[in-house]
C-alpha atoms as a PDB file:
ATOM      1  CA  MET A   1     108.138 123.099 118.419  1.00  0.00           C
ATOM      2  CA  ALA A   2     106.556 119.776 117.463  1.00  0.00           C
ATOM      3  CA  LYS A   3     107.579 116.709 119.477  1.00  0.00           C
ATOM      4  CA  TYR A   4     108.470 113.763 117.313  1.00  0.00           C
ATOM      5  CA  SER A   5     109.354 110.191 118.172  1.00  0.00           C
ATOM      6  CA  ALA A   6     111.427 107.680 116.235  1.00  0.00           C
ATOM      7  CA  SER A   7     110.025 104.729 118.217  1.00  0.00           C
ATOM      8  CA  ILE A   8     107.784 103.875 115.254  1.00  0.00           C
ATOM      9  CA  VAL A   9     110.784 102.143 113.623  1.00  0.00           C
ATOM     10  CA  SER A  10     110.039  99.070 115.742  1.00  0.00           C
ATOM     11  CA  HIS A  11     106.337  99.042 114.765  1.00  0.00           C
ATOM     12  CA  ALA A  12     104.457  97.391 111.915  1.00  0.00           C
ATOM     13  CA  LEU A  13     100.871  97.533 110.705  1.00  0.00           C
ATOM     14  CA  TRP A  14     100.236  94.207 112.515  1.00  0.00           C
ATOM     15  CA  PHE A  15      96.883  93.994 110.762  1.00  0.00           C
ATOM     16  CA  SER A  16      95.872  90.482 111.873  1.00  0.00           C
ATOM     17  CA  GLU A  17      96.953  91.263 115.458  1.00  0.00           C
ATOM     18  CA  PHE A  18      95.054  94.572 115.329  1.00  0.00           C
ATOM     19  CA  LYS A  19      91.890  92.721 114.240  1.00  0.00           C
ATOM     20  CA  GLU A  20      92.255  90.158 116.998  1.00  0.00           C
ATOM     21  CA  TYR A  21      92.892  92.814 119.636  1.00  0.00           C
ATOM     22  CA  LEU A  22      89.963  94.909 118.384  1.00  0.00           C
ATOM     23  CA  ASN A  23      87.605  91.904 118.416  1.00  0.00           C
ATOM     24  CA  LEU A  24      88.255  91.512 122.142  1.00  0.00           C
ATOM     25  CA  TYR A  25      87.811  95.245 122.694  1.00  0.00           C
ATOM     26  CA  LEU A  26      84.488  95.228 120.827  1.00  0.00           C
ATOM     27  CA  ALA A  27      83.449  92.249 122.971  1.00  0.00           C
ATOM     28  CA  GLU A  28      83.613  94.687 125.930  1.00  0.00           C
ATOM     29  CA  LYS A  29      87.034  93.755 127.280  1.00  0.00           C
ATOM     30  CA  THR A  30      89.048  96.720 128.545  1.00  0.00           C
ATOM     31  CA  ILE A  31      92.492  97.642 127.206  1.00  0.00           C
ATOM     32  CA  ASP A  32      93.990  96.577 130.554  1.00  0.00           C
ATOM     33  CA  GLU A  33      92.211  93.200 130.403  1.00  0.00           C
ATOM     34  CA  ILE A  34      93.394  92.591 126.841  1.00  0.00           C
ATOM     35  CA  ASN A  35      96.968  93.538 127.729  1.00  0.00           C
ATOM     36  CA  GLU A  36      96.841  91.200 130.711  1.00  0.00           C
ATOM     37  CA  LEU A  37      95.536  88.422 128.458  1.00  0.00           C
ATOM     38  CA  SER A  38      98.433  89.082 126.112  1.00  0.00           C
ATOM     39  CA  ASP A  39     100.905  88.950 128.999  1.00  0.00           C
ATOM     40  CA  ASP A  40      99.434  85.731 130.416  1.00  0.00           C
ATOM     41  CA  GLU A  41      98.470  83.806 127.282  1.00  0.00           C
ATOM     42  CA  ASN A  42     100.288  85.505 124.385  1.00  0.00           C
ATOM     43  CA  PHE A  43      97.051  85.311 122.378  1.00  0.00           C
ATOM     44  CA  LEU A  44      98.697  87.327 119.589  1.00  0.00           C
ATOM     45  CA  GLN A  45     101.138  84.415 119.233  1.00  0.00           C
ATOM     46  CA  LEU A  46     104.279  86.509 119.120  1.00  0.00           C
ATOM     47  CA  LYS A  47     107.720  84.936 119.473  1.00  0.00           C
ATOM     48  CA  THR A  48     108.562  86.182 122.957  1.00  0.00           C
ATOM     49  CA  LYS A  49     106.660  87.398 126.013  1.00  0.00           C
ATOM     50  CA  LYS A  50     108.539  90.685 125.798  1.00  0.00           C
ATOM     51  CA  ARG A  51     107.419  91.219 122.196  1.00  0.00           C
ATOM     52  CA  ALA A  52     103.837  90.221 123.058  1.00  0.00           C
ATOM     53  CA  ARG A  53     103.835  92.819 125.840  1.00  0.00           C
ATOM     54  CA  GLN A  54     105.282  95.505 123.577  1.00  0.00           C
ATOM     55  CA  VAL A  55     102.918  94.867 120.648  1.00  0.00           C
ATOM     56  CA  SER A  56      99.808  94.622 122.837  1.00  0.00           C
ATOM     57  CA  ARG A  57     100.608  98.035 124.384  1.00  0.00           C
ATOM     58  CA  ILE A  58     101.145  99.601 120.966  1.00  0.00           C
ATOM     59  CA  LEU A  59      97.872  98.145 119.637  1.00  0.00           C
ATOM     60  CA  GLY A  60      96.056  99.318 122.776  1.00  0.00           C
ATOM     61  CA  ASN A  61      97.387 102.841 122.197  1.00  0.00           C
ATOM     62  CA  ARG A  62      96.165 102.763 118.590  1.00  0.00           C
ATOM     63  CA  ILE A  63      92.699 101.611 119.593  1.00  0.00           C
ATOM     64  CA  GLN A  64      92.413 104.193 122.383  1.00  0.00           C
ATOM     65  CA  LYS A  65      93.085 107.012 119.897  1.00  0.00           C
ATOM     66  CA  ILE A  66      90.400 105.935 117.414  1.00  0.00           C
ATOM     67  CA  ASP A  67      86.822 106.990 118.139  1.00  0.00           C
ATOM     68  CA  LYS A  68      84.604 104.106 119.277  1.00  0.00           C
ATOM     69  CA  SER A  69      82.110 104.701 116.425  1.00  0.00           C
ATOM     70  CA  ILE A  70      84.883 104.048 113.883  1.00  0.00           C
ATOM     71  CA  LEU A  71      85.976 100.947 115.783  1.00  0.00           C
ATOM     72  CA  LYS A  72      82.382  99.636 115.815  1.00  0.00           C
ATOM     73  CA  LEU A  73      82.196 100.123 112.034  1.00  0.00           C
ATOM     74  CA  PHE A  74      85.418  98.131 111.501  1.00  0.00           C
ATOM     75  CA  PRO A  75      83.826  94.622 111.194  1.00  0.00           C
ATOM     76  CA  GLN A  76      81.489  95.903 108.462  1.00  0.00           C
ATOM     77  CA  LEU A  77      84.296  97.333 106.311  1.00  0.00           C
ATOM     78  CA  ASP A  78      86.157  95.580 103.516  1.00  0.00           C
ATOM     79  CA  VAL A  79      89.768  94.602 104.184  1.00  0.00           C
ATOM     80  CA  SER A  80      91.261  97.650 102.448  1.00  0.00           C
ATOM     81  CA  ASN A  81      89.219 100.007 104.649  1.00  0.00           C
ATOM     82  CA  GLN A  82      89.980  97.930 107.752  1.00  0.00           C
ATOM     83  CA  LYS A  83      93.675  98.460 107.019  1.00  0.00           C
ATOM     84  CA  ILE A  84      92.989 102.202 106.800  1.00  0.00           C
ATOM     85  CA  VAL A  85      91.456 102.129 110.291  1.00  0.00           C
ATOM     86  CA  ASP A  86      94.591 100.387 111.569  1.00  0.00           C
ATOM     87  CA  LEU A  87      96.752 102.960 109.746  1.00  0.00           C
ATOM     88  CA  LEU A  88      94.641 105.756 111.245  1.00  0.00           C
ATOM     89  CA  GLY A  89      95.616 104.459 114.683  1.00  0.00           C
ATOM     90  CA  ILE A  90      99.269 104.766 113.678  1.00  0.00           C
ATOM     91  CA  MET A  91      98.705 108.287 112.319  1.00  0.00           C
ATOM     92  CA  LEU A  92      96.944 109.382 115.502  1.00  0.00           C
ATOM     93  CA  ASN A  93      99.888 108.108 117.574  1.00  0.00           C
ATOM     94  CA  SER A  94     102.698 109.439 115.376  1.00  0.00           C
ATOM     95  CA  GLN A  95     102.728 113.076 114.412  1.00  0.00           C
ATOM     96  CA  LEU A  96     105.763 112.491 112.190  1.00  0.00           C
ATOM     97  CA  PHE A  97     104.055 109.737 110.197  1.00  0.00           C
ATOM     98  CA  SER A  98     100.805 111.683 109.823  1.00  0.00           C
ATOM     99  CA  GLU A  99     102.772 114.720 108.581  1.00  0.00           C
ATOM    100  CA  PHE A 100     104.616 112.479 106.121  1.00  0.00           C
ATOM    101  CA  LEU A 101     101.306 111.240 104.712  1.00  0.00           C
ATOM    102  CA  TYR A 102      99.906 114.775 104.537  1.00  0.00           C
ATOM    103  CA  GLU A 103     102.975 116.519 103.168  1.00  0.00           C
ATOM    104  CA  THR A 104     104.474 113.850 100.899  1.00  0.00           C
ATOM    105  CA  TYR A 105     102.049 111.009 100.094  1.00  0.00           C
ATOM    106  CA  ARG A 106      99.090 113.397  99.611  1.00  0.00           C
ATOM    107  CA  GLN A 107     101.107 115.517  97.161  1.00  0.00           C
ATOM    108  CA  GLU A 108     101.478 112.547  94.832  1.00  0.00           C
ATOM    109  CA  MET A 109      97.698 112.389  94.446  1.00  0.00           C
ATOM    110  CA  ILE A 110      97.238 116.156  94.172  1.00  0.00           C
ATOM    111  CA  LEU A 111      99.893 116.463  91.469  1.00  0.00           C
ATOM    112  CA  GLY A 112      98.782 113.261  89.745  1.00  0.00           C
ATOM    113  CA  ASP A 113     102.344 111.902  89.701  1.00  0.00           C
ATOM    114  CA  MET A 114     101.387 108.779  91.711  1.00  0.00           C
ATOM    115  CA  LYS A 115     105.061 107.821  92.179  1.00  0.00           C
ATOM    116  CA  LEU A 116     106.565 107.996  95.644  1.00  0.00           C
ATOM    117  CA  GLU A 117     110.291 108.219  95.034  1.00  0.00           C
ATOM    118  CA  ASN A 118     113.115 107.802  97.526  1.00  0.00           C
ATOM    119  CA  PHE A 119     114.316 111.380  97.028  1.00  0.00           C
ATOM    120  CA  GLU A 120     110.849 112.655  97.985  1.00  0.00           C
ATOM    121  CA  ILE A 121     110.912 110.673 101.216  1.00  0.00           C
ATOM    122  CA  GLN A 122     114.439 111.950 101.925  1.00  0.00           C
ATOM    123  CA  SER A 123     113.285 115.500 101.171  1.00  0.00           C
ATOM    124  CA  PHE A 124     110.568 115.191 103.818  1.00  0.00           C
ATOM    125  CA  PHE A 125     113.149 114.199 106.441  1.00  0.00           C
ATOM    126  CA  ASN A 126     115.578 116.903 105.299  1.00  0.00           C
ATOM    127  CA  GLN A 127     112.823 119.476 105.803  1.00  0.00           C
ATOM    128  CA  LYS A 128     111.997 118.135 109.270  1.00  0.00           C
ATOM    129  CA  GLN A 129     115.686 118.255 110.217  1.00  0.00           C
ATOM    130  CA  MET A 130     115.782 121.936 109.242  1.00  0.00           C
ATOM    131  CA  GLU A 131     112.588 122.707 111.184  1.00  0.00           C
ATOM    132  CA  ASN A 132     113.127 120.658 114.316  1.00  0.00           C
ATOM    133  CA  LYS A 133     116.195 120.343 116.572  1.00  0.00           C
ATOM    134  CA  GLN A 134     115.052 116.938 117.829  1.00  0.00           C
ATOM    135  CA  VAL A 135     114.885 115.479 114.294  1.00  0.00           C
ATOM    136  CA  GLU A 136     118.132 117.247 113.390  1.00  0.00           C
ATOM    137  CA  ALA A 137     119.878 115.292 116.159  1.00  0.00           C
ATOM    138  CA  TRP A 138     118.771 111.889 114.830  1.00  0.00           C
ATOM    139  CA  THR A 139     121.468 109.748 113.205  1.00  0.00           C
ATOM    140  CA  ASP A 140     121.494 108.859 109.525  1.00  0.00           C
ATOM    141  CA  GLN A 141     120.737 105.278 110.591  1.00  0.00           C
ATOM    142  CA  THR A 142     117.594 106.401 112.456  1.00  0.00           C
ATOM    143  CA  ILE A 143     116.395 108.373 109.422  1.00  0.00           C
ATOM    144  CA  LYS A 144     117.109 105.389 107.165  1.00  0.00           C
ATOM    145  CA  ARG A 145     115.101 103.079 109.442  1.00  0.00           C
ATOM    146  CA  LEU A 146     112.210 105.578 109.600  1.00  0.00           C
ATOM    147  CA  LYS A 147     112.126 105.841 105.803  1.00  0.00           C
ATOM    148  CA  GLY A 148     111.966 102.056 105.575  1.00  0.00           C
ATOM    149  CA  SER A 149     109.218 101.886 108.202  1.00  0.00           C
ATOM    150  CA  PHE A 150     107.106 104.525 106.464  1.00  0.00           C
ATOM    151  CA  LYS A 151     107.391 102.725 103.120  1.00  0.00           C
ATOM    152  CA  THR A 152     106.469  99.425 104.776  1.00  0.00           C
ATOM    153  CA  PHE A 153     103.401 100.937 106.480  1.00  0.00           C
ATOM    154  CA  LEU A 154     102.149 102.263 103.146  1.00  0.00           C
ATOM    155  CA  ARG A 155     102.750  98.963 101.364  1.00  0.00           C
ATOM    156  CA  GLU A 156     101.110  96.887 104.116  1.00  0.00           C
ATOM    157  CA  ALA A 157      98.086  99.220 104.086  1.00  0.00           C
ATOM    158  CA  SER A 158      97.885  98.823 100.271  1.00  0.00           C
ATOM    159  CA  LEU A 159      98.455 102.559  99.749  1.00  0.00           C
ATOM    160  CA  THR A 160     101.529 101.875  97.620  1.00  0.00           C
ATOM    161  CA  LYS A 161     103.082  98.985  95.782  1.00  0.00           C
ATOM    162  CA  PRO A 162     106.759  98.652  94.951  1.00  0.00           C
ATOM    163  CA  ALA A 163     108.026  99.257  91.440  1.00  0.00           C
ATOM    164  CA  LYS A 164     111.622  99.243  90.214  1.00  0.00           C
ATOM    165  CA  ASP A 165     113.002 102.495  91.691  1.00  0.00           C
ATOM    166  CA  TYR A 166     109.920 103.926  93.400  1.00  0.00           C
ATOM    167  CA  ASP A 167     106.573 103.019  94.930  1.00  0.00           C
ATOM    168  CA  ILE A 168     103.376 103.403  92.916  1.00  0.00           C
ATOM    169  CA  VAL A 169     100.707 105.295  94.861  1.00  0.00           C
ATOM    170  CA  THR A 170      97.526 103.191  95.007  1.00  0.00           C
ATOM    171  CA  PRO A 171      94.990 105.150  97.057  1.00  0.00           C
ATOM    172  CA  VAL A 172      92.180 103.248  98.725  1.00  0.00           C
ATOM    173  CA  LEU A 173      88.614 104.344  98.044  1.00  0.00           C
ATOM    174  CA  LEU A 174      87.319 105.031 101.532  1.00  0.00           C
ATOM    175  CA  ASP A 175      83.966 103.567 102.481  1.00  0.00           C
ATOM    176  CA  HIS A 176      81.474 106.464 102.682  1.00  0.00           C
ATOM    177  CA  ARG A 177      80.581 105.485 106.261  1.00  0.00           C
ATOM    178  CA  LEU A 178      84.213 105.672 107.356  1.00  0.00           C
ATOM    179  CA  HIS A 179      84.660 108.944 105.466  1.00  0.00           C
ATOM    180  CA  ASN A 180      81.612 110.461 107.178  1.00  0.00           C
ATOM    181  CA  LEU A 181      82.643 109.291 110.649  1.00  0.00           C
ATOM    182  CA  MET A 182      86.099 110.769 110.163  1.00  0.00           C
ATOM    183  CA  LEU A 183      84.505 114.089 109.205  1.00  0.00           C
ATOM    184  CA  GLN A 184      82.152 113.886 112.162  1.00  0.00           C
ATOM    185  CA  HIS A 185      85.108 113.420 114.526  1.00  0.00           C
ATOM    186  CA  ASN A 186      87.198 116.289 113.112  1.00  0.00           C
ATOM    187  CA  LEU A 187      89.694 114.076 111.313  1.00  0.00           C
ATOM    188  CA  GLU A 188      89.745 116.201 108.139  1.00  0.00           C
ATOM    189  CA  TYR A 189      93.558 116.434 108.175  1.00  0.00           C
ATOM    190  CA  TYR A 190      93.849 112.632 108.115  1.00  0.00           C
ATOM    191  CA  LEU A 191      91.151 112.344 105.444  1.00  0.00           C
ATOM    192  CA  ALA A 192      93.005 114.838 103.261  1.00  0.00           C
ATOM    193  CA  ALA A 193      96.229 112.860 103.701  1.00  0.00           C
ATOM    194  CA  LEU A 194      94.513 109.615 102.672  1.00  0.00           C
ATOM    195  CA  GLU A 195      92.289 110.969  99.893  1.00  0.00           C
ATOM    196  CA  GLY A 196      94.599 113.594  98.416  1.00  0.00           C
ATOM    197  CA  HIS A 197      92.607 116.785  98.764  1.00  0.00           C
END
């Protein structure tokens, strides 16, 4: 049985913070050194020390999951592809979110509908509740917060934009170098979720 976590409800894309954290990492600072810098100096400029500590650990986890060759390519990418690298870090750390992208977001591109509707997001969670005892035990409030988080991630990564009663799917054209590196590092599942094949 898959292990899922709802902790992602307290996360965001944190794109500018991700870039800042990654710049230090690419300048040969270790994850531990960057986290210590965050603890001591709050270089991410978050409201509280507790939040700075939490966000720096989450960003460190994202960066550790992404292959170094992809991270080194990051400064050469346009902003839309940089956001995809950040989102990839989220996908690699959250099985539930990556399955949502693969099973629900990807289908919009395959079918050509290009509308992500609330009932489709709810359907994904209903299915997970039937398949997984852990998800079944989550409260309606937890599911509601997860749905909101998933929609926000997609909007912040420019993969959707809000319309009246649904979100319009706006896939990003992946840079060929990023595409090839993802293939090279066996990330076909994530590529399929992002490109709709």
